[in-house]
Amino acid sequence: VYWLGRGGAWRLIGASPVSTGFAGGFEYFLTPLGVFEHT
């Protein structure tokens, strides 16, 4: 989790383990790459 401040300065707020998609069976997806907007 990052904050982008004025002037383009990035600050790490925190980091944690996360589960992402992996090959493993029916209806399993790879976590997609890209930029996704939270709205």
Full PDB file with SEQRES, HELIX, SHEET, SSBOND, CRYST1, ORIGX, SCALE, CONECT and MASTER records, all heavy atoms in Angstrom:
SEQRES   1 A   39  VAL TYR TRP LEU GLY ARG GLY GLY ALA TRP ARG LEU ILE          
SEQRES   2 A   39  GLY ALA SER PRO VAL SER THR GLY PHE ALA GLY GLY PHE          
SEQRES   3 A   39  GLU TYR PHE LEU THR PRO LEU GLY VAL PHE GLU HIS THR          
HELIX    1 AA1 ARG A    6  GLY A    8  5                                   3    
SHEET    1 AA1 2 TYR A   2  LEU A   4  0                                        
SHEET    2 AA1 2 TRP A  10  LEU A  12 -1                                        
CRYST1    1.000    1.000    1.000  90.00  90.00  90.00 P 1           1          
ORIGX1      1.000000  0.000000  0.000000        0.00000                         
ORIGX2      0.000000  1.000000  0.000000        0.00000                         
ORIGX3      0.000000  0.000000  1.000000        0.00000                         
SCALE1      1.000000  0.000000  0.000000        0.00000                         
SCALE2      0.000000  1.000000  0.000000        0.00000                         
SCALE3      0.000000  0.000000  1.000000        0.00000                         
ATOM      1  N   VAL A   1       0.868  -1.175   0.000  1.00  0.00           N  
ATOM      2  CA  VAL A   1       0.000   0.000   0.000  1.00  0.00           C  
ATOM      3  C   VAL A   1       0.905   1.225   0.000  1.00  0.00           C  
ATOM      4  O   VAL A   1       1.720   1.403   0.909  1.00  0.00           O  
ATOM      5  CB  VAL A   1      -0.931   0.016   1.231  1.00  0.00           C  
ATOM      6  CG1 VAL A   1      -1.830   1.245   1.202  1.00  0.00           C  
ATOM      7  CG2 VAL A   1      -1.752  -1.271   1.311  1.00  0.00           C  
ATOM      8  N   TYR A   2       0.766   2.060  -1.022  1.00  0.00           N  
ATOM      9  CA  TYR A   2       1.577   3.263  -1.171  1.00  0.00           C  
ATOM     10  C   TYR A   2       0.698   4.507  -1.199  1.00  0.00           C  
ATOM     11  O   TYR A   2      -0.447   4.463  -1.643  1.00  0.00           O  
ATOM     12  CB  TYR A   2       2.369   3.230  -2.488  1.00  0.00           C  
ATOM     13  CG  TYR A   2       3.646   2.447  -2.434  1.00  0.00           C  
ATOM     14  CD1 TYR A   2       3.678   1.113  -2.777  1.00  0.00           C  
ATOM     15  CD2 TYR A   2       4.828   3.061  -2.029  1.00  0.00           C  
ATOM     16  CE1 TYR A   2       4.856   0.392  -2.724  1.00  0.00           C  
ATOM     17  CE2 TYR A   2       6.011   2.349  -1.977  1.00  0.00           C  
ATOM     18  CZ  TYR A   2       6.012   1.013  -2.319  1.00  0.00           C  
ATOM     19  OH  TYR A   2       7.189   0.305  -2.265  1.00  0.00           O  
ATOM     20  N   TRP A   3       1.286   5.601  -0.743  1.00  0.00           N  
ATOM     21  CA  TRP A   3       0.700   6.928  -0.884  1.00  0.00           C  
ATOM     22  C   TRP A   3       1.572   7.698  -1.871  1.00  0.00           C  
ATOM     23  O   TRP A   3       2.798   7.706  -1.743  1.00  0.00           O  
ATOM     24  CB  TRP A   3       0.690   7.650   0.469  1.00  0.00           C  
ATOM     25  CG  TRP A   3       0.463   9.133   0.378  1.00  0.00           C  
ATOM     26  CD1 TRP A   3       1.419  10.115   0.441  1.00  0.00           C  
ATOM     27  CD2 TRP A   3      -0.772   9.803   0.191  1.00  0.00           C  
ATOM     28  NE1 TRP A   3       0.841  11.347   0.307  1.00  0.00           N  
ATOM     29  CE2 TRP A   3      -0.516  11.186   0.147  1.00  0.00           C  
ATOM     30  CE3 TRP A   3      -2.088   9.363   0.038  1.00  0.00           C  
ATOM     31  CZ2 TRP A   3      -1.509  12.134  -0.027  1.00  0.00           C  
ATOM     32  CZ3 TRP A   3      -3.080  10.311  -0.138  1.00  0.00           C  
ATOM     33  CH2 TRP A   3      -2.786  11.675  -0.163  1.00  0.00           C  
ATOM     34  N   LEU A   4       0.962   8.323  -2.851  1.00  0.00           N  
ATOM     35  CA  LEU A   4       1.678   9.217  -3.754  1.00  0.00           C  
ATOM     36  C   LEU A   4       1.409  10.635  -3.285  1.00  0.00           C  
ATOM     37  O   LEU A   4       0.270  11.099  -3.302  1.00  0.00           O  
ATOM     38  CB  LEU A   4       1.208   9.055  -5.199  1.00  0.00           C  
ATOM     39  CG  LEU A   4       1.820  10.055  -6.194  1.00  0.00           C  
ATOM     40  CD1 LEU A   4       3.334   9.907  -6.270  1.00  0.00           C  
ATOM     41  CD2 LEU A   4       1.180   9.907  -7.551  1.00  0.00           C  
ATOM     42  N   GLY A   5       2.457  11.311  -2.832  1.00  0.00           N  
ATOM     43  CA  GLY A   5       2.320  12.673  -2.330  1.00  0.00           C  
ATOM     44  C   GLY A   5       2.528  13.703  -3.420  1.00  0.00           C  
ATOM     45  O   GLY A   5       2.877  13.383  -4.554  1.00  0.00           O  
ATOM     46  N   ARG A   6       2.323  14.934  -3.058  1.00  0.00           N  
ATOM     47  CA  ARG A   6       2.564  16.041  -3.993  1.00  0.00           C  
ATOM     48  C   ARG A   6       4.027  16.014  -4.417  1.00  0.00           C  
ATOM     49  O   ARG A   6       4.907  15.705  -3.649  1.00  0.00           O  
ATOM     50  CB  ARG A   6       2.227  17.361  -3.336  1.00  0.00           C  
ATOM     51  CG  ARG A   6       0.773  17.437  -2.924  1.00  0.00           C  
ATOM     52  CD  ARG A   6       0.225  18.843  -3.065  1.00  0.00           C  
ATOM     53  NE  ARG A   6      -1.157  18.893  -2.621  1.00  0.00           N  
ATOM     54  CZ  ARG A   6      -2.189  18.566  -3.398  1.00  0.00           C  
ATOM     55  NH1 ARG A   6      -1.985  18.188  -4.630  1.00  0.00           N  
ATOM     56  NH2 ARG A   6      -3.419  18.630  -2.937  1.00  0.00           N  
ATOM     57  N   GLY A   7       4.276  16.311  -5.662  1.00  0.00           N  
ATOM     58  CA  GLY A   7       5.643  16.303  -6.159  1.00  0.00           C  
ATOM     59  C   GLY A   7       6.128  14.919  -6.564  1.00  0.00           C  
ATOM     60  O   GLY A   7       7.289  14.729  -6.891  1.00  0.00           O  
ATOM     61  N   GLY A   8       5.243  13.906  -6.539  1.00  0.00           N  
ATOM     62  CA  GLY A   8       5.610  12.573  -6.996  1.00  0.00           C  
ATOM     63  C   GLY A   8       6.370  11.716  -6.009  1.00  0.00           C  
ATOM     64  O   GLY A   8       6.998  10.738  -6.393  1.00  0.00           O  
ATOM     65  N   ALA A   9       6.339  12.068  -4.728  1.00  0.00           N  
ATOM     66  CA  ALA A   9       7.045  11.279  -3.709  1.00  0.00           C  
ATOM     67  C   ALA A   9       6.161  10.122  -3.243  1.00  0.00           C  
ATOM     68  O   ALA A   9       5.015  10.324  -2.859  1.00  0.00           O  
ATOM     69  CB  ALA A   9       7.414  12.168  -2.523  1.00  0.00           C  
ATOM     70  N   TRP A  10       6.717   8.894  -3.282  1.00  0.00           N  
ATOM     71  CA  TRP A  10       5.984   7.691  -2.870  1.00  0.00           C  
ATOM     72  C   TRP A  10       6.358   7.323  -1.437  1.00  0.00           C  
ATOM     73  O   TRP A  10       7.519   7.390  -1.059  1.00  0.00           O  
ATOM     74  CB  TRP A  10       6.351   6.521  -3.785  1.00  0.00           C  
ATOM     75  CG  TRP A  10       5.901   6.696  -5.195  1.00  0.00           C  
ATOM     76  CD1 TRP A  10       6.606   7.257  -6.220  1.00  0.00           C  
ATOM     77  CD2 TRP A  10       4.644   6.328  -5.739  1.00  0.00           C  
ATOM     78  NE1 TRP A  10       5.871   7.245  -7.367  1.00  0.00           N  
ATOM     79  CE2 TRP A  10       4.655   6.679  -7.106  1.00  0.00           C  
ATOM     80  CE3 TRP A  10       3.506   5.718  -5.209  1.00  0.00           C  
ATOM     81  CZ2 TRP A  10       3.576   6.441  -7.943  1.00  0.00           C  
ATOM     82  CZ3 TRP A  10       2.432   5.483  -6.045  1.00  0.00           C  
ATOM     83  CH2 TRP A  10       2.466   5.840  -7.393  1.00  0.00           C  
ATOM     84  N   ARG A  11       5.376   6.866  -0.662  1.00  0.00           N  
ATOM     85  CA  ARG A  11       5.621   6.412   0.704  1.00  0.00           C  
ATOM     86  C   ARG A  11       4.903   5.082   0.912  1.00  0.00           C  
ATOM     87  O   ARG A  11       3.707   4.983   0.664  1.00  0.00           O  
ATOM     88  CB  ARG A  11       5.118   7.434   1.714  1.00  0.00           C  
ATOM     89  CG  ARG A  11       5.368   6.996   3.142  1.00  0.00           C  
ATOM     90  CD  ARG A  11       4.960   8.064   4.140  1.00  0.00           C  
ATOM     91  NE  ARG A  11       5.328   7.691   5.483  1.00  0.00           N  
ATOM     92  CZ  ARG A  11       6.530   7.863   6.013  1.00  0.00           C  
ATOM     93  NH1 ARG A  11       7.489   8.418   5.300  1.00  0.00           N  
ATOM     94  NH2 ARG A  11       6.771   7.496   7.248  1.00  0.00           N  
ATOM     95  N   LEU A  12       5.644   4.100   1.395  1.00  0.00           N  
ATOM     96  CA  LEU A  12       5.031   2.816   1.711  1.00  0.00           C  
ATOM     97  C   LEU A  12       4.257   2.950   3.019  1.00  0.00           C  
ATOM     98  O   LEU A  12       4.819   3.311   4.052  1.00  0.00           O  
ATOM     99  CB  LEU A  12       6.098   1.719   1.848  1.00  0.00           C  
ATOM    100  CG  LEU A  12       5.544   0.327   2.175  1.00  0.00           C  
ATOM    101  CD1 LEU A  12       4.738  -0.227   0.999  1.00  0.00           C  
ATOM    102  CD2 LEU A  12       6.669  -0.615   2.546  1.00  0.00           C  
ATOM    103  N   ILE A  13       2.985   2.664   2.971  1.00  0.00           N  
ATOM    104  CA  ILE A  13       2.130   2.669   4.158  1.00  0.00           C  
ATOM    105  C   ILE A  13       2.273   1.346   4.894  1.00  0.00           C  
ATOM    106  O   ILE A  13       2.340   1.293   6.115  1.00  0.00           O  
ATOM    107  CB  ILE A  13       0.654   2.907   3.777  1.00  0.00           C  
ATOM    108  CG1 ILE A  13       0.486   4.250   3.075  1.00  0.00           C  
ATOM    109  CG2 ILE A  13      -0.264   2.783   4.984  1.00  0.00           C  
ATOM    110  CD1 ILE A  13       0.873   5.451   3.898  1.00  0.00           C  
ATOM    111  N   GLY A  14       2.311   0.265   4.127  1.00  0.00           N  
ATOM    112  CA  GLY A  14       2.473  -1.060   4.713  1.00  0.00           C  
ATOM    113  C   GLY A  14       2.415  -2.126   3.647  1.00  0.00           C  
ATOM    114  O   GLY A  14       1.985  -1.877   2.517  1.00  0.00           O  
ATOM    115  N   ALA A  15       2.848  -3.322   4.011  1.00  0.00           N  
ATOM    116  CA  ALA A  15       2.833  -4.469   3.101  1.00  0.00           C  
ATOM    117  C   ALA A  15       2.398  -5.695   3.885  1.00  0.00           C  
ATOM    118  O   ALA A  15       2.707  -5.828   5.073  1.00  0.00           O  
ATOM    119  CB  ALA A  15       4.211  -4.690   2.489  1.00  0.00           C  
ATOM    120  N   SER A  16       1.677  -6.586   3.201  1.00  0.00           N  
ATOM    121  CA  SER A  16       1.168  -7.797   3.841  1.00  0.00           C  
ATOM    122  C   SER A  16       1.142  -8.943   2.843  1.00  0.00           C  
ATOM    123  O   SER A  16       1.065  -8.712   1.632  1.00  0.00           O  
ATOM    124  CB  SER A  16      -0.263  -7.566   4.348  1.00  0.00           C  
ATOM    125  OG  SER A  16      -0.285  -6.619   5.378  1.00  0.00           O  
ATOM    126  N   PRO A  17       1.155 -10.183   3.351  1.00  0.00           N  
ATOM    127  CA  PRO A  17       0.997 -11.329   2.456  1.00  0.00           C  
ATOM    128  C   PRO A  17      -0.379 -11.286   1.784  1.00  0.00           C  
ATOM    129  O   PRO A  17      -1.340 -10.760   2.359  1.00  0.00           O  
ATOM    130  CB  PRO A  17       1.087 -12.536   3.392  1.00  0.00           C  
ATOM    131  CG  PRO A  17       1.672 -12.032   4.654  1.00  0.00           C  
ATOM    132  CD  PRO A  17       1.317 -10.579   4.740  1.00  0.00           C  
ATOM    133  N   VAL A  18      -0.454 -11.817   0.583  1.00  0.00           N  
ATOM    134  CA  VAL A  18      -1.716 -11.849  -0.151  1.00  0.00           C  
ATOM    135  C   VAL A  18      -1.778 -13.151  -0.941  1.00  0.00           C  
ATOM    136  O   VAL A  18      -0.748 -13.729  -1.296  1.00  0.00           O  
ATOM    137  CB  VAL A  18      -1.840 -10.621  -1.085  1.00  0.00           C  
ATOM    138  CG1 VAL A  18      -0.819 -10.673  -2.198  1.00  0.00           C  
ATOM    139  CG2 VAL A  18      -3.232 -10.473  -1.637  1.00  0.00           C  
ATOM    140  N   SER A  19      -2.977 -13.622  -1.181  1.00  0.00           N  
ATOM    141  CA  SER A  19      -3.165 -14.808  -1.995  1.00  0.00           C  
ATOM    142  C   SER A  19      -3.512 -14.370  -3.405  1.00  0.00           C  
ATOM    143  O   SER A  19      -4.398 -13.544  -3.604  1.00  0.00           O  
ATOM    144  CB  SER A  19      -4.305 -15.654  -1.417  1.00  0.00           C  
ATOM    145  OG  SER A  19      -4.559 -16.755  -2.250  1.00  0.00           O  
ATOM    146  N   THR A  20      -2.792 -14.901  -4.387  1.00  0.00           N  
ATOM    147  CA  THR A  20      -3.093 -14.596  -5.782  1.00  0.00           C  
ATOM    148  C   THR A  20      -3.416 -15.888  -6.501  1.00  0.00           C  
ATOM    149  O   THR A  20      -3.159 -16.980  -6.000  1.00  0.00           O  
ATOM    150  CB  THR A  20      -1.908 -13.889  -6.473  1.00  0.00           C  
ATOM    151  OG1 THR A  20      -0.809 -14.774  -6.543  1.00  0.00           O  
ATOM    152  CG2 THR A  20      -1.525 -12.617  -5.743  1.00  0.00           C  
ATOM    153  N   GLY A  21      -3.989 -15.754  -7.695  1.00  0.00           N  
ATOM    154  CA  GLY A  21      -4.375 -16.918  -8.475  1.00  0.00           C  
ATOM    155  C   GLY A  21      -3.185 -17.721  -8.948  1.00  0.00           C  
ATOM    156  O   GLY A  21      -2.107 -17.195  -9.151  1.00  0.00           O  
ATOM    157  N   PHE A  22      -3.402 -19.027  -9.092  1.00  0.00           N  
ATOM    158  CA  PHE A  22      -2.336 -19.911  -9.545  1.00  0.00           C  
ATOM    159  C   PHE A  22      -2.957 -21.088 -10.277  1.00  0.00           C  
ATOM    160  O   PHE A  22      -4.148 -21.363 -10.137  1.00  0.00           O  
ATOM    161  CB  PHE A  22      -1.503 -20.414  -8.365  1.00  0.00           C  
ATOM    162  CG  PHE A  22      -2.308 -21.191  -7.357  1.00  0.00           C  
ATOM    163  CD1 PHE A  22      -2.406 -22.578  -7.432  1.00  0.00           C  
ATOM    164  CD2 PHE A  22      -2.992 -20.545  -6.338  1.00  0.00           C  
ATOM    165  CE1 PHE A  22      -3.158 -23.289  -6.519  1.00  0.00           C  
ATOM    166  CE2 PHE A  22      -3.748 -21.252  -5.418  1.00  0.00           C  
ATOM    167  CZ  PHE A  22      -3.837 -22.625  -5.512  1.00  0.00           C  
ATOM    168  N   ALA A  23      -2.157 -21.763 -11.085  1.00  0.00           N  
ATOM    169  CA  ALA A  23      -2.637 -22.948 -11.785  1.00  0.00           C  
ATOM    170  C   ALA A  23      -2.908 -24.033 -10.756  1.00  0.00           C  
ATOM    171  O   ALA A  23      -2.061 -24.328  -9.929  1.00  0.00           O  
ATOM    172  CB  ALA A  23      -1.596 -23.416 -12.795  1.00  0.00           C  
ATOM    173  N   GLY A  24      -4.107 -24.590 -10.789  1.00  0.00           N  
ATOM    174  CA  GLY A  24      -4.374 -25.598  -9.789  1.00  0.00           C  
ATOM    175  C   GLY A  24      -5.587 -26.453 -10.048  1.00  0.00           C  
ATOM    176  O   GLY A  24      -5.731 -27.508  -9.479  1.00  0.00           O  
ATOM    177  N   GLY A  25      -6.494 -26.036 -10.872  1.00  0.00           N  
ATOM    178  CA  GLY A  25      -7.670 -26.842 -11.103  1.00  0.00           C  
ATOM    179  C   GLY A  25      -8.745 -26.058 -11.818  1.00  0.00           C  
ATOM    180  O   GLY A  25      -8.552 -24.916 -12.219  1.00  0.00           O  
ATOM    181  N   PHE A  26      -9.904 -26.678 -11.935  1.00  0.00           N  
ATOM    182  CA  PHE A  26     -11.024 -26.076 -12.633  1.00  0.00           C  
ATOM    183  C   PHE A  26     -11.425 -24.772 -11.947  1.00  0.00           C  
ATOM    184  O   PHE A  26     -11.503 -24.697 -10.730  1.00  0.00           O  
ATOM    185  CB  PHE A  26     -12.212 -27.033 -12.679  1.00  0.00           C  
ATOM    186  CG  PHE A  26     -13.362 -26.502 -13.473  1.00  0.00           C  
ATOM    187  CD1 PHE A  26     -13.255 -26.339 -14.850  1.00  0.00           C  
ATOM    188  CD2 PHE A  26     -14.536 -26.137 -12.849  1.00  0.00           C  
ATOM    189  CE1 PHE A  26     -14.308 -25.834 -15.584  1.00  0.00           C  
ATOM    190  CE2 PHE A  26     -15.599 -25.634 -13.583  1.00  0.00           C  
ATOM    191  CZ  PHE A  26     -15.484 -25.484 -14.948  1.00  0.00           C  
ATOM    192  N   GLU A  27     -11.674 -23.768 -12.762  1.00  0.00           N  
ATOM    193  CA  GLU A  27     -12.065 -22.430 -12.328  1.00  0.00           C  
ATOM    194  C   GLU A  27     -10.974 -21.694 -11.560  1.00  0.00           C  
ATOM    195  O   GLU A  27     -11.256 -20.807 -10.767  1.00  0.00           O  
ATOM    196  CB  GLU A  27     -13.386 -22.452 -11.556  1.00  0.00           C  
ATOM    197  CG  GLU A  27     -14.545 -22.838 -12.438  1.00  0.00           C  
ATOM    198  CD  GLU A  27     -15.899 -22.616 -11.803  1.00  0.00           C  
ATOM    199  OE1 GLU A  27     -15.966 -22.125 -10.664  1.00  0.00           O  
ATOM    200  OE2 GLU A  27     -16.887 -22.932 -12.458  1.00  0.00           O  
ATOM    201  N   TYR A  28      -9.716 -22.056 -11.779  1.00  0.00           N  
ATOM    202  CA  TYR A  28      -8.591 -21.306 -11.227  1.00  0.00           C  
ATOM    203  C   TYR A  28      -8.092 -20.352 -12.296  1.00  0.00           C  
ATOM    204  O   TYR A  28      -7.943 -20.736 -13.454  1.00  0.00           O  
ATOM    205  CB  TYR A  28      -7.442 -22.231 -10.825  1.00  0.00           C  
ATOM    206  CG  TYR A  28      -7.646 -22.936  -9.513  1.00  0.00           C  
ATOM    207  CD1 TYR A  28      -8.599 -23.925  -9.369  1.00  0.00           C  
ATOM    208  CD2 TYR A  28      -6.866 -22.602  -8.410  1.00  0.00           C  
ATOM    209  CE1 TYR A  28      -8.774 -24.570  -8.162  1.00  0.00           C  
ATOM    210  CE2 TYR A  28      -7.032 -23.244  -7.196  1.00  0.00           C  
ATOM    211  CZ  TYR A  28      -7.991 -24.232  -7.080  1.00  0.00           C  
ATOM    212  OH  TYR A  28      -8.157 -24.866  -5.883  1.00  0.00           O  
ATOM    213  N   PHE A  29      -7.832 -19.121 -11.912  1.00  0.00           N  
ATOM    214  CA  PHE A  29      -7.321 -18.097 -12.818  1.00  0.00           C  
ATOM    215  C   PHE A  29      -5.961 -17.635 -12.331  1.00  0.00           C  
ATOM    216  O   PHE A  29      -5.677 -17.653 -11.137  1.00  0.00           O  
ATOM    217  CB  PHE A  29      -8.242 -16.864 -12.814  1.00  0.00           C  
ATOM    218  CG  PHE A  29      -9.547 -17.060 -13.512  1.00  0.00           C  
ATOM    219  CD1 PHE A  29     -10.627 -17.599 -12.840  1.00  0.00           C  
ATOM    220  CD2 PHE A  29      -9.708 -16.667 -14.829  1.00  0.00           C  
ATOM    221  CE1 PHE A  29     -11.848 -17.764 -13.473  1.00  0.00           C  
ATOM    222  CE2 PHE A  29     -10.917 -16.817 -15.468  1.00  0.00           C  
ATOM    223  CZ  PHE A  29     -11.996 -17.366 -14.793  1.00  0.00           C  
ATOM    224  N   LEU A  30      -5.120 -17.175 -13.271  1.00  0.00           N  
ATOM    225  CA  LEU A  30      -3.910 -16.454 -12.885  1.00  0.00           C  
ATOM    226  C   LEU A  30      -4.326 -15.028 -12.552  1.00  0.00           C  
ATOM    227  O   LEU A  30      -5.183 -14.457 -13.233  1.00  0.00           O  
ATOM    228  CB  LEU A  30      -2.894 -16.439 -14.027  1.00  0.00           C  
ATOM    229  CG  LEU A  30      -2.216 -17.752 -14.354  1.00  0.00           C  
ATOM    230  CD1 LEU A  30      -1.255 -17.570 -15.527  1.00  0.00           C  
ATOM    231  CD2 LEU A  30      -1.468 -18.276 -13.143  1.00  0.00           C  
ATOM    232  N   THR A  31      -3.736 -14.451 -11.530  1.00  0.00           N  
ATOM    233  CA  THR A  31      -4.025 -13.060 -11.216  1.00  0.00           C  
ATOM    234  C   THR A  31      -3.587 -12.211 -12.405  1.00  0.00           C  
ATOM    235  O   THR A  31      -2.450 -12.308 -12.850  1.00  0.00           O  
ATOM    236  CB  THR A  31      -3.283 -12.633  -9.939  1.00  0.00           C  
ATOM    237  OG1 THR A  31      -3.751 -13.444  -8.860  1.00  0.00           O  
ATOM    238  CG2 THR A  31      -3.525 -11.166  -9.622  1.00  0.00           C  
ATOM    239  N   PRO A  32      -4.497 -11.398 -12.944  1.00  0.00           N  
ATOM    240  CA  PRO A  32      -4.154 -10.628 -14.149  1.00  0.00           C  
ATOM    241  C   PRO A  32      -3.168  -9.505 -13.859  1.00  0.00           C  
ATOM    242  O   PRO A  32      -3.089  -9.000 -12.739  1.00  0.00           O  
ATOM    243  CB  PRO A  32      -5.506 -10.057 -14.588  1.00  0.00           C  
ATOM    244  CG  PRO A  32      -6.328 -10.029 -13.359  1.00  0.00           C  
ATOM    245  CD  PRO A  32      -5.864 -11.164 -12.498  1.00  0.00           C  
ATOM    246  N   LEU A  33      -2.414  -9.158 -14.885  1.00  0.00           N  
ATOM    247  CA  LEU A  33      -1.491  -8.029 -14.820  1.00  0.00           C  
ATOM    248  C   LEU A  33      -2.187  -6.792 -15.353  1.00  0.00           C  
ATOM    249  O   LEU A  33      -3.023  -6.883 -16.242  1.00  0.00           O  
ATOM    250  CB  LEU A  33      -0.247  -8.312 -15.664  1.00  0.00           C  
ATOM    251  CG  LEU A  33       0.586  -9.514 -15.253  1.00  0.00           C  
ATOM    252  CD1 LEU A  33       1.686  -9.766 -16.269  1.00  0.00           C  
ATOM    253  CD2 LEU A  33       1.156  -9.324 -13.864  1.00  0.00           C  
ATOM    254  N   GLY A  34      -1.855  -5.639 -14.813  1.00  0.00           N  
ATOM    255  CA  GLY A  34      -2.415  -4.406 -15.332  1.00  0.00           C  
ATOM    256  C   GLY A  34      -2.691  -3.404 -14.240  1.00  0.00           C  
ATOM    257  O   GLY A  34      -2.352  -3.606 -13.078  1.00  0.00           O  
ATOM    258  N   VAL A  35      -3.319  -2.322 -14.635  1.00  0.00           N  
ATOM    259  CA  VAL A  35      -3.717  -1.260 -13.718  1.00  0.00           C  
ATOM    260  C   VAL A  35      -5.236  -1.278 -13.670  1.00  0.00           C  
ATOM    261  O   VAL A  35      -5.894  -1.198 -14.704  1.00  0.00           O  
ATOM    262  CB  VAL A  35      -3.201   0.112 -14.201  1.00  0.00           C  
ATOM    263  CG1 VAL A  35      -3.712   1.229 -13.309  1.00  0.00           C  
ATOM    264  CG2 VAL A  35      -1.674   0.115 -14.252  1.00  0.00           C  
ATOM    265  N   PHE A  36      -5.781  -1.399 -12.474  1.00  0.00           N  
ATOM    266  CA  PHE A  36      -7.220  -1.510 -12.290  1.00  0.00           C  
ATOM    267  C   PHE A  36      -7.688  -0.416 -11.336  1.00  0.00           C  
ATOM    268  O   PHE A  36      -7.153  -0.262 -10.254  1.00  0.00           O  
ATOM    269  CB  PHE A  36      -7.584  -2.885 -11.730  1.00  0.00           C  
ATOM    270  CG  PHE A  36      -7.031  -4.011 -12.553  1.00  0.00           C  
ATOM    271  CD1 PHE A  36      -5.849  -4.631 -12.189  1.00  0.00           C  
ATOM    272  CD2 PHE A  36      -7.659  -4.398 -13.707  1.00  0.00           C  
ATOM    273  CE1 PHE A  36      -5.314  -5.643 -12.965  1.00  0.00           C  
ATOM    274  CE2 PHE A  36      -7.144  -5.421 -14.486  1.00  0.00           C  
ATOM    275  CZ  PHE A  36      -5.970  -6.039 -14.120  1.00  0.00           C  
ATOM    276  N   GLU A  37      -8.711   0.311 -11.753  1.00  0.00           N  
ATOM    277  CA  GLU A  37      -9.208   1.422 -10.950  1.00  0.00           C  
ATOM    278  C   GLU A  37     -10.226   0.944  -9.918  1.00  0.00           C  
ATOM    279  O   GLU A  37     -11.083   0.114 -10.199  1.00  0.00           O  
ATOM    280  CB  GLU A  37      -9.850   2.469 -11.858  1.00  0.00           C  
ATOM    281  CG  GLU A  37     -10.199   3.740 -11.134  1.00  0.00           C  
ATOM    282  CD  GLU A  37     -10.683   4.829 -12.080  1.00  0.00           C  
ATOM    283  OE1 GLU A  37     -10.857   4.562 -13.275  1.00  0.00           O  
ATOM    284  OE2 GLU A  37     -10.880   5.943 -11.594  1.00  0.00           O  
ATOM    285  N   HIS A  38     -10.100   1.472  -8.733  1.00  0.00           N  
ATOM    286  CA  HIS A  38     -11.046   1.192  -7.646  1.00  0.00           C  
ATOM    287  C   HIS A  38     -12.059   2.324  -7.638  1.00  0.00           C  
ATOM    288  O   HIS A  38     -11.703   3.475  -7.387  1.00  0.00           O  
ATOM    289  CB  HIS A  38     -10.280   1.140  -6.314  1.00  0.00           C  
ATOM    290  CG  HIS A  38     -11.127   0.780  -5.165  1.00  0.00           C  
ATOM    291  ND1 HIS A  38     -11.640   1.719  -4.320  1.00  0.00           N  
ATOM    292  CD2 HIS A  38     -11.552  -0.417  -4.705  1.00  0.00           C  
ATOM    293  CE1 HIS A  38     -12.348   1.122  -3.372  1.00  0.00           C  
ATOM    294  NE2 HIS A  38     -12.300  -0.175  -3.592  1.00  0.00           N  
ATOM    295  N   THR A  39     -13.320   2.018  -7.949  1.00  0.00           N  
ATOM    296  CA  THR A  39     -14.344   3.056  -8.057  1.00  0.00           C  
ATOM    297  C   THR A  39     -15.568   2.687  -7.229  1.00  0.00           C  
ATOM    298  O   THR A  39     -15.704   1.554  -6.757  1.00  0.00           O  
ATOM    299  CB  THR A  39     -14.799   3.240  -9.518  1.00  0.00           C  
ATOM    300  OG1 THR A  39     -15.532   2.078  -9.918  1.00  0.00           O  
ATOM    301  CG2 THR A  39     -13.620   3.462 -10.455  1.00  0.00           C  
TER     302      THR A  39                                                      
MASTER        0    0    0    1    2    0    0    6  301    1    0    3          
END                                                                             
